[in-house]
Amino acid sequence: MSALIHLRDGVSFREARVHCGISPATAGRFFPHFVAWLRGLGESGWVRPPTTRAELAAVEAPYASMGFPGCTGSMDGTHVKAAVPFGLHAMFKGKESYTSYQFNAHCTHSGRVTSIAPIQPGSYNDITAFAQDGFAQDVGSQPLFTGYEYPIYTADGGRETMTGAWIMCDRGYQRLPFLICPADGMNLAEHQWSKRLESVRKVRPRRTPPSPLNQLISVKP
């Protein structure tokens, strides 16, 4: 319970002791093992990227039906409240109004998380987070993604085959061929395209798919 409260509210183990009666020293020793177990539970059957062409095609299909063929999912930084020593506030407090940990996360259109990059201080920007993201690097370098082929429509209504899967993101990331963000242009066509991309990137699933991880974290202390 102490570990879940720490994760949910970002409070210290000393504050969590009020609710649980577990000493900070005991909670501190237990927490790393709990997080390792929790992460293993999620990654074993839920939080994992596509590893075969069939899995990649299944992730890409909903995006293709909405006009974004070749997309492997959405990517963005996620902040979680963190209780850190006062001397580290400058490092852990970025654009949010509180100190936090940051995770560069990927998800599919259905809301399934496919990858979570290593933890970083909340002040780090998206470019720094991207440099530590193994899955994002794989999309730009591994044959499964760089060799992925899909059809697109040309301006005259014909069809053309493109090669190279890509990730949907915002403008905070590097300008790389496999990172697609809203356009900077102001003409009507680019504005409409960017508005559609944002609506797809920020979609929220109506129902969270069942998984052991979701069932665990939905239990209230």
N, C-alpha and C. Protein backbone atom coordinates (compact mmCIF):
# COMPACT_ATOMS: atom_id res chain seq x y z
N MET A 1 0.83 -1.20 0.00
CA MET A 1 0.00 0.00 0.00
C MET A 1 0.87 1.26 0.00
N SER A 2 1.93 1.23 0.82
CA SER A 2 2.85 2.36 0.86
C SER A 2 3.45 2.64 -0.51
N ALA A 3 3.84 1.60 -1.24
CA ALA A 3 4.42 1.76 -2.57
C ALA A 3 3.41 2.34 -3.55
N LEU A 4 2.17 1.88 -3.48
CA LEU A 4 1.14 2.37 -4.39
C LEU A 4 0.81 3.84 -4.12
N ILE A 5 0.77 4.22 -2.84
CA ILE A 5 0.51 5.62 -2.50
C ILE A 5 1.66 6.50 -2.99
N HIS A 6 2.89 6.00 -2.84
CA HIS A 6 4.06 6.74 -3.32
C HIS A 6 3.98 6.94 -4.83
N LEU A 7 3.57 5.92 -5.56
CA LEU A 7 3.46 6.01 -7.01
C LEU A 7 2.29 6.91 -7.43
N ARG A 8 1.18 6.79 -6.72
CA ARG A 8 -0.02 7.54 -7.10
C ARG A 8 0.10 9.03 -6.82
N ASP A 9 0.57 9.39 -5.63
CA ASP A 9 0.56 10.78 -5.18
C ASP A 9 1.93 11.45 -5.23
N GLY A 10 2.99 10.67 -5.40
CA GLY A 10 4.32 11.26 -5.43
C GLY A 10 4.81 11.73 -4.08
N VAL A 11 4.22 11.24 -3.01
CA VAL A 11 4.63 11.65 -1.66
C VAL A 11 5.78 10.79 -1.18
N SER A 12 6.46 11.24 -0.15
CA SER A 12 7.57 10.48 0.40
C SER A 12 7.05 9.30 1.21
N PHE A 13 7.93 8.34 1.51
CA PHE A 13 7.53 7.20 2.33
C PHE A 13 7.20 7.65 3.76
N ARG A 14 7.79 8.74 4.17
CA ARG A 14 7.49 9.25 5.51
C ARG A 14 6.04 9.72 5.59
N GLU A 15 5.57 10.39 4.53
CA GLU A 15 4.17 10.82 4.50
C GLU A 15 3.23 9.63 4.32
N ALA A 16 3.65 8.64 3.53
CA ALA A 16 2.81 7.47 3.32
C ALA A 16 2.65 6.67 4.60
N ARG A 17 3.58 6.83 5.52
CA ARG A 17 3.51 6.09 6.78
C ARG A 17 2.24 6.42 7.55
N VAL A 18 1.74 7.64 7.40
CA VAL A 18 0.52 8.06 8.09
C VAL A 18 -0.65 7.16 7.70
N HIS A 19 -0.68 6.75 6.43
CA HIS A 19 -1.79 5.95 5.93
C HIS A 19 -1.57 4.45 6.14
N CYS A 20 -0.31 4.02 6.14
CA CYS A 20 -0.02 2.59 6.11
C CYS A 20 0.60 2.03 7.39
N GLY A 21 1.30 2.87 8.15
CA GLY A 21 1.98 2.38 9.33
C GLY A 21 3.26 1.65 9.02
N ILE A 22 3.78 1.82 7.77
CA ILE A 22 5.03 1.16 7.37
C ILE A 22 6.17 2.17 7.48
N SER A 23 7.24 1.81 8.13
CA SER A 23 8.35 2.75 8.33
C SER A 23 8.99 3.11 7.00
N PRO A 24 9.52 4.34 6.85
CA PRO A 24 10.19 4.75 5.61
C PRO A 24 11.33 3.82 5.22
N ALA A 25 12.09 3.32 6.21
CA ALA A 25 13.21 2.43 5.90
C ALA A 25 12.73 1.13 5.27
N THR A 26 11.67 0.55 5.83
CA THR A 26 11.12 -0.69 5.30
C THR A 26 10.53 -0.48 3.91
N ALA A 27 9.78 0.62 3.74
CA ALA A 27 9.18 0.92 2.44
C ALA A 27 10.26 1.17 1.39
N GLY A 28 11.35 1.84 1.79
CA GLY A 28 12.42 2.11 0.85
C GLY A 28 13.13 0.86 0.36
N ARG A 29 13.26 -0.13 1.24
CA ARG A 29 13.89 -1.40 0.82
C ARG A 29 12.96 -2.21 -0.08
N PHE A 30 11.66 -2.12 0.20
CA PHE A 30 10.69 -2.92 -0.55
C PHE A 30 10.40 -2.32 -1.93
N PHE A 31 10.41 -1.01 -2.03
CA PHE A 31 9.93 -0.32 -3.24
C PHE A 31 10.65 -0.74 -4.52
N PRO A 32 12.00 -0.81 -4.57
CA PRO A 32 12.65 -1.21 -5.82
C PRO A 32 12.24 -2.60 -6.29
N HIS A 33 12.06 -3.52 -5.37
CA HIS A 33 11.64 -4.88 -5.75
C HIS A 33 10.20 -4.87 -6.27
N PHE A 34 9.35 -4.05 -5.65
CA PHE A 34 7.96 -3.96 -6.09
C PHE A 34 7.87 -3.37 -7.49
N VAL A 35 8.63 -2.32 -7.76
CA VAL A 35 8.59 -1.69 -9.07
C VAL A 35 9.12 -2.64 -10.14
N ALA A 36 10.19 -3.38 -9.83
CA ALA A 36 10.74 -4.34 -10.79
C ALA A 36 9.71 -5.43 -11.12
N TRP A 37 9.00 -5.90 -10.08
CA TRP A 37 7.97 -6.91 -10.30
C TRP A 37 6.82 -6.34 -11.12
N LEU A 38 6.40 -5.11 -10.80
CA LEU A 38 5.29 -4.48 -11.50
C LEU A 38 5.62 -4.24 -12.96
N ARG A 39 6.84 -3.78 -13.21
CA ARG A 39 7.26 -3.55 -14.60
C ARG A 39 7.33 -4.87 -15.37
N GLY A 40 7.86 -5.90 -14.72
CA GLY A 40 7.93 -7.21 -15.38
C GLY A 40 6.56 -7.76 -15.71
N LEU A 41 5.60 -7.53 -14.82
CA LEU A 41 4.24 -7.98 -15.06
C LEU A 41 3.64 -7.31 -16.28
N GLY A 42 3.89 -6.02 -16.41
CA GLY A 42 3.35 -5.30 -17.55
C GLY A 42 4.04 -5.64 -18.85
N GLU A 43 5.36 -5.70 -18.83
CA GLU A 43 6.11 -5.93 -20.05
C GLU A 43 5.96 -7.35 -20.58
N SER A 44 5.70 -8.31 -19.69
CA SER A 44 5.61 -9.70 -20.13
C SER A 44 4.42 -9.94 -21.05
N GLY A 45 3.30 -9.25 -20.82
CA GLY A 45 2.14 -9.53 -21.65
C GLY A 45 1.39 -8.30 -22.11
N TRP A 46 1.87 -7.11 -21.76
CA TRP A 46 1.10 -5.92 -22.08
C TRP A 46 1.96 -4.79 -22.64
N VAL A 47 2.90 -4.29 -21.86
CA VAL A 47 3.72 -3.17 -22.31
C VAL A 47 4.91 -3.70 -23.11
N ARG A 48 4.73 -3.86 -24.38
CA ARG A 48 5.82 -4.31 -25.24
C ARG A 48 5.57 -3.83 -26.67
N PRO A 49 6.61 -3.48 -27.41
CA PRO A 49 6.46 -3.00 -28.78
C PRO A 49 6.24 -4.16 -29.74
N PRO A 50 5.78 -3.88 -30.96
CA PRO A 50 5.64 -4.94 -31.96
C PRO A 50 7.01 -5.52 -32.31
N THR A 51 7.07 -6.84 -32.40
CA THR A 51 8.34 -7.51 -32.70
C THR A 51 8.30 -8.29 -34.01
N THR A 52 7.13 -8.41 -34.63
CA THR A 52 6.99 -9.10 -35.90
C THR A 52 6.23 -8.20 -36.88
N ARG A 53 6.30 -8.52 -38.15
CA ARG A 53 5.59 -7.72 -39.15
C ARG A 53 4.09 -7.77 -38.93
N ALA A 54 3.59 -8.94 -38.51
CA ALA A 54 2.15 -9.06 -38.27
C ALA A 54 1.70 -8.16 -37.12
N GLU A 55 2.51 -8.11 -36.05
CA GLU A 55 2.17 -7.25 -34.92
C GLU A 55 2.25 -5.77 -35.32
N LEU A 56 3.24 -5.42 -36.12
CA LEU A 56 3.38 -4.04 -36.58
C LEU A 56 2.20 -3.66 -37.47
N ALA A 57 1.78 -4.57 -38.33
CA ALA A 57 0.64 -4.29 -39.22
C ALA A 57 -0.64 -4.10 -38.41
N ALA A 58 -0.79 -4.88 -37.32
CA ALA A 58 -1.98 -4.74 -36.48
C ALA A 58 -2.01 -3.39 -35.78
N VAL A 59 -0.85 -2.89 -35.37
CA VAL A 59 -0.77 -1.57 -34.73
C VAL A 59 -1.03 -0.47 -35.75
N GLU A 60 -0.52 -0.65 -36.96
CA GLU A 60 -0.61 0.37 -38.00
C GLU A 60 -1.99 0.47 -38.63
N ALA A 61 -2.75 -0.63 -38.66
CA ALA A 61 -4.03 -0.68 -39.37
C ALA A 61 -5.01 0.43 -38.98
N PRO A 62 -5.26 0.69 -37.68
CA PRO A 62 -6.21 1.77 -37.34
C PRO A 62 -5.75 3.13 -37.84
N TYR A 63 -4.44 3.39 -37.80
CA TYR A 63 -3.93 4.66 -38.29
C TYR A 63 -4.11 4.77 -39.80
N ALA A 64 -3.86 3.67 -40.52
CA ALA A 64 -4.03 3.67 -41.97
C ALA A 64 -5.47 3.97 -42.35
N SER A 65 -6.42 3.44 -41.59
CA SER A 65 -7.83 3.67 -41.89
C SER A 65 -8.24 5.13 -41.67
N MET A 66 -7.43 5.87 -40.89
CA MET A 66 -7.74 7.28 -40.62
C MET A 66 -6.87 8.23 -41.45
N GLY A 67 -6.12 7.66 -42.39
CA GLY A 67 -5.33 8.50 -43.28
C GLY A 67 -3.88 8.68 -42.91
N PHE A 68 -3.36 7.85 -41.98
CA PHE A 68 -1.97 7.94 -41.57
C PHE A 68 -1.29 6.58 -41.66
N PRO A 69 -1.18 6.02 -42.87
CA PRO A 69 -0.54 4.70 -43.03
C PRO A 69 0.93 4.76 -42.63
N GLY A 70 1.43 3.65 -42.07
CA GLY A 70 2.82 3.57 -41.66
C GLY A 70 3.09 3.99 -40.24
N CYS A 71 2.07 4.51 -39.55
CA CYS A 71 2.27 4.99 -38.19
C CYS A 71 2.35 3.83 -37.20
N THR A 72 3.35 3.88 -36.31
CA THR A 72 3.53 2.82 -35.30
C THR A 72 2.92 3.21 -33.95
N GLY A 73 2.33 4.39 -33.84
CA GLY A 73 1.74 4.82 -32.59
C GLY A 73 2.11 6.25 -32.24
N SER A 74 1.65 6.71 -31.10
CA SER A 74 1.92 8.07 -30.64
C SER A 74 3.00 8.07 -29.57
N MET A 75 3.79 9.14 -29.52
CA MET A 75 4.87 9.27 -28.54
C MET A 75 4.79 10.63 -27.86
N ASP A 76 4.98 10.63 -26.56
CA ASP A 76 5.02 11.90 -25.83
C ASP A 76 5.63 11.66 -24.45
N GLY A 77 6.06 12.74 -23.83
CA GLY A 77 6.60 12.65 -22.48
C GLY A 77 5.47 12.66 -21.46
N THR A 78 5.58 11.80 -20.44
CA THR A 78 4.59 11.71 -19.38
C THR A 78 5.25 12.03 -18.05
N HIS A 79 4.63 12.92 -17.29
CA HIS A 79 5.20 13.34 -16.00
C HIS A 79 4.42 12.72 -14.85
N VAL A 80 5.16 12.26 -13.86
CA VAL A 80 4.59 11.69 -12.65
C VAL A 80 5.15 12.45 -11.45
N LYS A 81 4.28 12.89 -10.56
CA LYS A 81 4.73 13.65 -9.39
C LYS A 81 5.80 12.89 -8.62
N ALA A 82 6.79 13.65 -8.13
CA ALA A 82 7.89 13.03 -7.39
C ALA A 82 8.26 13.89 -6.19
N ALA A 83 8.49 13.23 -5.06
CA ALA A 83 8.98 13.92 -3.88
C ALA A 83 10.49 13.80 -3.87
N VAL A 84 11.19 14.91 -4.06
CA VAL A 84 12.66 14.89 -4.13
C VAL A 84 13.22 15.91 -3.13
N PRO A 85 14.48 15.76 -2.71
CA PRO A 85 15.10 16.73 -1.80
C PRO A 85 15.05 18.14 -2.38
N PHE A 86 14.96 19.12 -1.52
CA PHE A 86 14.83 20.51 -1.97
C PHE A 86 15.96 20.92 -2.90
N GLY A 87 17.15 20.43 -2.63
CA GLY A 87 18.29 20.78 -3.46
C GLY A 87 18.20 20.29 -4.89
N LEU A 88 17.30 19.35 -5.17
CA LEU A 88 17.14 18.81 -6.53
C LEU A 88 15.91 19.34 -7.24
N HIS A 89 15.21 20.29 -6.64
CA HIS A 89 13.98 20.80 -7.25
C HIS A 89 14.22 21.39 -8.64
N ALA A 90 15.33 22.09 -8.81
CA ALA A 90 15.61 22.70 -10.11
C ALA A 90 15.73 21.65 -11.21
N MET A 91 16.27 20.48 -10.87
CA MET A 91 16.44 19.41 -11.86
C MET A 91 15.13 18.69 -12.15
N PHE A 92 14.27 18.56 -11.15
CA PHE A 92 13.05 17.76 -11.30
C PHE A 92 11.79 18.59 -11.56
N LYS A 93 11.93 19.91 -11.64
CA LYS A 93 10.77 20.75 -11.90
C LYS A 93 10.97 21.47 -13.22
N GLY A 94 10.20 21.06 -14.24
CA GLY A 94 10.30 21.67 -15.54
C GLY A 94 9.09 22.52 -15.84
N LYS A 95 8.41 22.21 -16.95
CA LYS A 95 7.24 23.00 -17.35
C LYS A 95 6.03 22.74 -16.44
N GLU A 96 6.06 21.61 -15.72
CA GLU A 96 4.98 21.34 -14.78
C GLU A 96 5.14 22.23 -13.55
N SER A 97 4.08 22.36 -12.78
CA SER A 97 4.13 23.21 -11.59
C SER A 97 4.61 22.46 -10.36
N TYR A 98 5.09 21.23 -10.56
CA TYR A 98 5.53 20.38 -9.45
C TYR A 98 6.75 19.58 -9.87
N THR A 99 7.48 19.08 -8.90
CA THR A 99 8.62 18.21 -9.22
C THR A 99 8.11 16.88 -9.73
N SER A 100 8.79 16.32 -10.70
CA SER A 100 8.28 15.11 -11.33
C SER A 100 9.38 14.27 -11.94
N TYR A 101 9.02 13.01 -12.20
CA TYR A 101 9.81 12.12 -13.04
C TYR A 101 9.19 12.18 -14.43
N GLN A 102 10.02 12.00 -15.46
CA GLN A 102 9.51 12.00 -16.82
C GLN A 102 9.80 10.66 -17.50
N PHE A 103 8.82 10.18 -18.24
CA PHE A 103 8.96 8.95 -19.01
C PHE A 103 8.53 9.24 -20.45
N ASN A 104 9.36 8.89 -21.41
CA ASN A 104 8.94 9.00 -22.81
C ASN A 104 8.15 7.74 -23.13
N ALA A 105 6.87 7.90 -23.43
CA ALA A 105 5.98 6.74 -23.58
C ALA A 105 5.38 6.67 -24.98
N HIS A 106 5.10 5.44 -25.41
CA HIS A 106 4.45 5.19 -26.70
C HIS A 106 3.17 4.41 -26.47
N CYS A 107 2.13 4.72 -27.25
CA CYS A 107 0.89 3.95 -27.15
C CYS A 107 0.26 3.81 -28.53
N THR A 108 -0.62 2.82 -28.68
CA THR A 108 -1.33 2.59 -29.91
C THR A 108 -2.64 3.39 -29.89
N HIS A 109 -3.38 3.36 -30.99
CA HIS A 109 -4.64 4.10 -31.05
C HIS A 109 -5.68 3.53 -30.09
N SER A 110 -5.55 2.26 -29.73
CA SER A 110 -6.48 1.65 -28.79
C SER A 110 -6.16 2.04 -27.35
N GLY A 111 -5.00 2.67 -27.13
CA GLY A 111 -4.62 3.07 -25.78
C GLY A 111 -3.64 2.12 -25.12
N ARG A 112 -3.22 1.06 -25.83
CA ARG A 112 -2.26 0.12 -25.23
C ARG A 112 -0.87 0.72 -25.25
N VAL A 113 -0.21 0.72 -24.10
CA VAL A 113 1.15 1.24 -24.01
C VAL A 113 2.11 0.19 -24.59
N THR A 114 2.94 0.61 -25.54
CA THR A 114 3.85 -0.33 -26.19
C THR A 114 5.30 -0.18 -25.72
N SER A 115 5.65 0.97 -25.16
CA SER A 115 7.03 1.15 -24.69
C SER A 115 7.10 2.32 -23.72
N ILE A 116 7.96 2.19 -22.71
CA ILE A 116 8.22 3.27 -21.76
C ILE A 116 9.73 3.38 -21.61
N ALA A 117 10.27 4.55 -21.91
CA ALA A 117 11.71 4.77 -21.83
C ALA A 117 12.15 4.89 -20.38
N PRO A 118 13.45 4.79 -20.11
CA PRO A 118 13.96 4.92 -18.74
C PRO A 118 13.56 6.24 -18.09
N ILE A 119 13.47 6.24 -16.78
CA ILE A 119 13.07 7.40 -16.00
C ILE A 119 14.08 8.54 -16.13
N GLN A 120 13.57 9.78 -16.17
CA GLN A 120 14.43 10.95 -16.26
C GLN A 120 13.86 12.07 -15.40
N PRO A 121 14.69 13.04 -14.98
CA PRO A 121 14.18 14.18 -14.21
C PRO A 121 13.15 14.98 -15.00
N GLY A 122 12.20 15.58 -14.30
CA GLY A 122 11.11 16.30 -14.96
C GLY A 122 11.51 17.52 -15.75
N SER A 123 12.69 18.07 -15.53
CA SER A 123 13.12 19.25 -16.27
C SER A 123 13.67 18.92 -17.66
N TYR A 124 13.93 17.65 -17.93
CA TYR A 124 14.49 17.27 -19.22
C TYR A 124 13.43 17.44 -20.32
N ASN A 125 13.85 17.94 -21.48
CA ASN A 125 12.89 18.15 -22.56
C ASN A 125 12.73 16.90 -23.41
N ASP A 126 11.85 16.99 -24.42
CA ASP A 126 11.54 15.83 -25.25
C ASP A 126 12.75 15.33 -26.03
N ILE A 127 13.62 16.23 -26.46
CA ILE A 127 14.79 15.84 -27.24
C ILE A 127 15.73 14.98 -26.39
N THR A 128 15.92 15.38 -25.13
CA THR A 128 16.77 14.61 -24.23
C THR A 128 16.14 13.26 -23.94
N ALA A 129 14.82 13.24 -23.73
CA ALA A 129 14.12 11.99 -23.46
C ALA A 129 14.22 11.05 -24.65
N PHE A 130 14.12 11.58 -25.86
CA PHE A 130 14.19 10.78 -27.07
C PHE A 130 15.53 10.06 -27.19
N ALA A 131 16.60 10.73 -26.75
CA ALA A 131 17.95 10.14 -26.85
C ALA A 131 18.08 8.89 -26.01
N GLN A 132 17.24 8.73 -24.97
CA GLN A 132 17.30 7.57 -24.09
C GLN A 132 16.22 6.53 -24.41
N ASP A 133 15.46 6.77 -25.48
CA ASP A 133 14.32 5.91 -25.81
C ASP A 133 14.74 4.84 -26.82
N GLY A 134 14.92 3.61 -26.34
CA GLY A 134 15.38 2.53 -27.20
C GLY A 134 14.41 2.19 -28.31
N PHE A 135 13.10 2.18 -28.01
CA PHE A 135 12.12 1.83 -29.05
C PHE A 135 12.08 2.88 -30.15
N ALA A 136 12.12 4.15 -29.77
CA ALA A 136 12.11 5.21 -30.78
C ALA A 136 13.34 5.10 -31.68
N GLN A 137 14.49 4.79 -31.10
CA GLN A 137 15.69 4.61 -31.90
C GLN A 137 15.55 3.42 -32.85
N ASP A 138 14.89 2.37 -32.39
CA ASP A 138 14.70 1.18 -33.23
C ASP A 138 13.84 1.49 -34.45
N VAL A 139 12.82 2.34 -34.29
CA VAL A 139 11.95 2.68 -35.41
C VAL A 139 12.76 3.34 -36.53
N GLY A 140 13.80 4.05 -36.16
CA GLY A 140 14.62 4.71 -37.16
C GLY A 140 15.78 3.90 -37.67
N SER A 141 16.01 2.69 -37.10
CA SER A 141 17.22 1.94 -37.49
C SER A 141 16.99 0.45 -37.76
N GLN A 142 15.99 -0.17 -37.15
CA GLN A 142 15.82 -1.62 -37.29
C GLN A 142 15.05 -1.98 -38.56
N PRO A 143 15.46 -3.04 -39.26
CA PRO A 143 14.82 -3.43 -40.53
C PRO A 143 13.31 -3.66 -40.43
N LEU A 144 12.83 -4.16 -39.28
CA LEU A 144 11.40 -4.39 -39.13
C LEU A 144 10.62 -3.11 -39.41
N PHE A 145 11.16 -1.97 -39.00
CA PHE A 145 10.48 -0.68 -39.16
C PHE A 145 10.94 0.06 -40.42
N THR A 146 12.24 0.10 -40.66
CA THR A 146 12.74 0.84 -41.82
C THR A 146 12.34 0.17 -43.14
N GLY A 147 12.10 -1.15 -43.11
CA GLY A 147 11.71 -1.86 -44.32
C GLY A 147 10.22 -2.05 -44.46
N TYR A 148 9.43 -1.51 -43.55
CA TYR A 148 7.97 -1.70 -43.59
C TYR A 148 7.37 -0.91 -44.76
N GLU A 149 6.60 -1.58 -45.60
CA GLU A 149 6.02 -0.95 -46.79
C GLU A 149 4.51 -0.78 -46.63
N TYR A 150 4.01 0.31 -47.17
CA TYR A 150 2.58 0.59 -47.10
C TYR A 150 2.20 1.53 -48.25
N PRO A 151 0.96 1.45 -48.73
CA PRO A 151 0.54 2.29 -49.86
C PRO A 151 0.00 3.65 -49.39
N ILE A 152 0.19 4.67 -50.20
CA ILE A 152 -0.41 5.98 -49.96
C ILE A 152 -1.04 6.47 -51.27
N TYR A 153 -1.94 7.42 -51.17
CA TYR A 153 -2.55 8.03 -52.35
C TYR A 153 -1.75 9.26 -52.76
N THR A 154 -1.56 9.44 -54.06
CA THR A 154 -0.86 10.62 -54.57
C THR A 154 -1.87 11.73 -54.83
N ALA A 155 -1.37 12.92 -55.17
CA ALA A 155 -2.25 14.07 -55.39
C ALA A 155 -3.23 13.84 -56.54
N ASP A 156 -2.85 13.03 -57.52
CA ASP A 156 -3.75 12.79 -58.66
C ASP A 156 -4.65 11.58 -58.46
N GLY A 157 -4.65 11.00 -57.25
CA GLY A 157 -5.54 9.88 -56.97
C GLY A 157 -4.92 8.52 -57.19
N GLY A 158 -3.67 8.46 -57.62
CA GLY A 158 -3.01 7.18 -57.81
C GLY A 158 -2.49 6.63 -56.49
N ARG A 159 -1.82 5.51 -56.55
CA ARG A 159 -1.28 4.87 -55.36
C ARG A 159 0.22 4.70 -55.51
N GLU A 160 0.93 4.90 -54.42
CA GLU A 160 2.37 4.79 -54.40
C GLU A 160 2.79 4.05 -53.14
N THR A 161 3.83 3.23 -53.23
CA THR A 161 4.31 2.47 -52.08
C THR A 161 5.42 3.23 -51.37
N MET A 162 5.23 3.42 -50.07
CA MET A 162 6.23 4.09 -49.25
C MET A 162 6.92 3.05 -48.36
N THR A 163 8.14 3.35 -47.94
CA THR A 163 8.91 2.45 -47.09
C THR A 163 9.39 3.20 -45.86
N GLY A 164 9.19 2.58 -44.68
CA GLY A 164 9.67 3.19 -43.44
C GLY A 164 8.54 3.58 -42.51
N ALA A 165 8.38 2.83 -41.43
CA ALA A 165 7.36 3.17 -40.43
C ALA A 165 7.78 4.43 -39.68
N TRP A 166 6.83 5.07 -39.04
CA TRP A 166 7.11 6.33 -38.37
C TRP A 166 6.29 6.47 -37.08
N ILE A 167 6.64 7.47 -36.27
CA ILE A 167 5.98 7.71 -34.99
C ILE A 167 5.30 9.07 -35.02
N MET A 168 4.09 9.14 -34.51
CA MET A 168 3.34 10.39 -34.42
C MET A 168 3.74 11.11 -33.13
N CYS A 169 4.09 12.39 -33.21
CA CYS A 169 4.56 13.12 -32.03
C CYS A 169 4.18 14.59 -32.13
N ASP A 170 4.63 15.40 -31.17
CA ASP A 170 4.40 16.84 -31.24
C ASP A 170 5.67 17.54 -31.70
N ARG A 171 5.65 18.88 -31.71
CA ARG A 171 6.77 19.63 -32.27
C ARG A 171 7.99 19.70 -31.34
N GLY A 172 7.91 19.11 -30.16
CA GLY A 172 9.02 19.19 -29.22
C GLY A 172 10.19 18.29 -29.56
N TYR A 173 10.01 17.38 -30.51
CA TYR A 173 11.07 16.42 -30.84
C TYR A 173 11.90 16.89 -32.04
N GLN A 174 12.97 16.14 -32.31
CA GLN A 174 13.83 16.45 -33.45
C GLN A 174 13.06 16.29 -34.75
N ARG A 175 13.55 16.99 -35.77
CA ARG A 175 12.97 16.84 -37.10
C ARG A 175 13.69 15.69 -37.81
N LEU A 176 13.16 14.49 -37.64
CA LEU A 176 13.72 13.29 -38.26
C LEU A 176 12.67 12.67 -39.17
N PRO A 177 13.09 11.94 -40.21
CA PRO A 177 12.13 11.38 -41.17
C PRO A 177 11.08 10.46 -40.55
N PHE A 178 11.43 9.79 -39.45
CA PHE A 178 10.50 8.85 -38.85
C PHE A 178 9.75 9.43 -37.65
N LEU A 179 9.86 10.74 -37.43
CA LEU A 179 9.08 11.43 -36.41
C LEU A 179 8.21 12.46 -37.12
N ILE A 180 6.90 12.25 -37.13
CA ILE A 180 5.98 13.12 -37.86
C ILE A 180 5.17 13.94 -36.87
N CYS A 181 5.25 15.27 -36.99
CA CYS A 181 4.53 16.17 -36.10
C CYS A 181 3.65 17.10 -36.94
N PRO A 182 2.78 17.89 -36.32
CA PRO A 182 1.98 18.86 -37.08
C PRO A 182 2.86 19.80 -37.88
N ALA A 183 2.37 20.24 -39.03
CA ALA A 183 3.14 21.12 -39.90
C ALA A 183 3.21 22.53 -39.33
N ASP A 184 4.27 23.26 -39.71
CA ASP A 184 4.44 24.64 -39.28
C ASP A 184 3.79 25.63 -40.24
N GLY A 185 3.48 25.17 -41.45
CA GLY A 185 2.92 26.07 -42.46
C GLY A 185 1.54 26.58 -42.09
N MET A 186 1.13 27.65 -42.74
CA MET A 186 -0.15 28.28 -42.41
C MET A 186 -1.18 28.15 -43.52
N ASN A 187 -0.87 27.44 -44.62
CA ASN A 187 -1.88 27.32 -45.66
C ASN A 187 -2.98 26.37 -45.21
N LEU A 188 -4.11 26.43 -45.86
CA LEU A 188 -5.30 25.70 -45.42
C LEU A 188 -5.09 24.19 -45.39
N ALA A 189 -4.44 23.64 -46.42
CA ALA A 189 -4.24 22.20 -46.50
C ALA A 189 -3.39 21.71 -45.32
N GLU A 190 -2.31 22.40 -45.02
CA GLU A 190 -1.44 21.99 -43.92
C GLU A 190 -2.15 22.15 -42.58
N HIS A 191 -2.94 23.21 -42.46
CA HIS A 191 -3.69 23.42 -41.21
C HIS A 191 -4.68 22.29 -40.98
N GLN A 192 -5.40 21.90 -42.01
CA GLN A 192 -6.38 20.82 -41.88
C GLN A 192 -5.69 19.49 -41.58
N TRP A 193 -4.57 19.24 -42.24
CA TRP A 193 -3.82 18.00 -42.00
C TRP A 193 -3.31 17.96 -40.57
N SER A 194 -2.76 19.07 -40.08
CA SER A 194 -2.23 19.14 -38.73
C SER A 194 -3.34 18.96 -37.70
N LYS A 195 -4.48 19.56 -37.95
CA LYS A 195 -5.60 19.43 -37.02
C LYS A 195 -6.06 17.97 -36.94
N ARG A 196 -6.06 17.28 -38.06
CA ARG A 196 -6.45 15.87 -38.06
C ARG A 196 -5.42 15.01 -37.33
N LEU A 197 -4.14 15.30 -37.56
CA LEU A 197 -3.09 14.55 -36.87
C LEU A 197 -3.21 14.73 -35.37
N GLU A 198 -3.44 15.95 -34.91
CA GLU A 198 -3.57 16.20 -33.48
C GLU A 198 -4.77 15.47 -32.89
N SER A 199 -5.87 15.41 -33.64
CA SER A 199 -7.06 14.72 -33.13
C SER A 199 -6.82 13.23 -32.99
N VAL A 200 -6.01 12.66 -33.88
CA VAL A 200 -5.69 11.24 -33.81
C VAL A 200 -4.65 10.99 -32.72
N ARG A 201 -3.67 11.88 -32.61
CA ARG A 201 -2.59 11.70 -31.63
C ARG A 201 -3.11 11.78 -30.20
N LYS A 202 -4.09 12.62 -29.96
CA LYS A 202 -4.57 12.84 -28.60
C LYS A 202 -5.85 12.08 -28.28
N VAL A 203 -6.18 11.10 -29.10
CA VAL A 203 -7.42 10.35 -28.87
C VAL A 203 -7.36 9.62 -27.52
N ARG A 204 -8.50 9.54 -26.85
CA ARG A 204 -8.60 8.81 -25.60
C ARG A 204 -9.57 7.65 -25.79
N PRO A 205 -9.13 6.42 -25.54
CA PRO A 205 -10.02 5.27 -25.73
C PRO A 205 -11.22 5.35 -24.80
N ARG A 206 -12.36 4.89 -25.28
CA ARG A 206 -13.57 4.90 -24.46
C ARG A 206 -13.49 3.88 -23.33
N ARG A 207 -12.77 2.82 -23.58
CA ARG A 207 -12.69 1.75 -22.59
C ARG A 207 -11.26 1.26 -22.51
N THR A 208 -10.73 1.11 -21.32
CA THR A 208 -9.38 0.59 -21.14
C THR A 208 -9.37 -0.93 -21.32
N PRO A 209 -8.61 -1.46 -22.28
CA PRO A 209 -8.57 -2.91 -22.48
C PRO A 209 -8.12 -3.62 -21.22
N PRO A 210 -8.69 -4.78 -20.93
CA PRO A 210 -8.33 -5.49 -19.70
C PRO A 210 -6.91 -6.02 -19.75
N SER A 211 -6.23 -5.97 -18.62
CA SER A 211 -4.90 -6.55 -18.49
C SER A 211 -4.61 -6.74 -17.02
N PRO A 212 -3.75 -7.68 -16.66
CA PRO A 212 -3.40 -7.86 -15.25
C PRO A 212 -2.85 -6.59 -14.62
N LEU A 213 -2.08 -5.80 -15.40
CA LEU A 213 -1.50 -4.58 -14.87
C LEU A 213 -2.59 -3.56 -14.54
N ASN A 214 -3.55 -3.40 -15.48
CA ASN A 214 -4.63 -2.45 -15.24
C ASN A 214 -5.48 -2.86 -14.04
N GLN A 215 -5.72 -4.14 -13.91
CA GLN A 215 -6.52 -4.62 -12.79
C GLN A 215 -5.81 -4.36 -11.48
N LEU A 216 -4.47 -4.47 -11.47
CA LEU A 216 -3.72 -4.27 -10.25
C LEU A 216 -3.74 -2.81 -9.81
N ILE A 217 -3.44 -1.89 -10.75
CA ILE A 217 -3.31 -0.49 -10.37
C ILE A 217 -4.66 0.18 -10.17
N SER A 218 -5.75 -0.49 -10.58
CA SER A 218 -7.07 0.11 -10.38
C SER A 218 -7.60 -0.16 -8.98
N VAL A 219 -6.95 -1.04 -8.23
CA VAL A 219 -7.38 -1.34 -6.87
C VAL A 219 -6.99 -0.20 -5.95
N LYS A 220 -7.94 0.36 -5.25
CA LYS A 220 -7.67 1.48 -4.38
C LYS A 220 -7.07 0.97 -3.06
N PRO A 221 -6.10 1.70 -2.49
CA PRO A 221 -5.51 1.29 -1.21
C PRO A 221 -6.56 1.27 -0.10
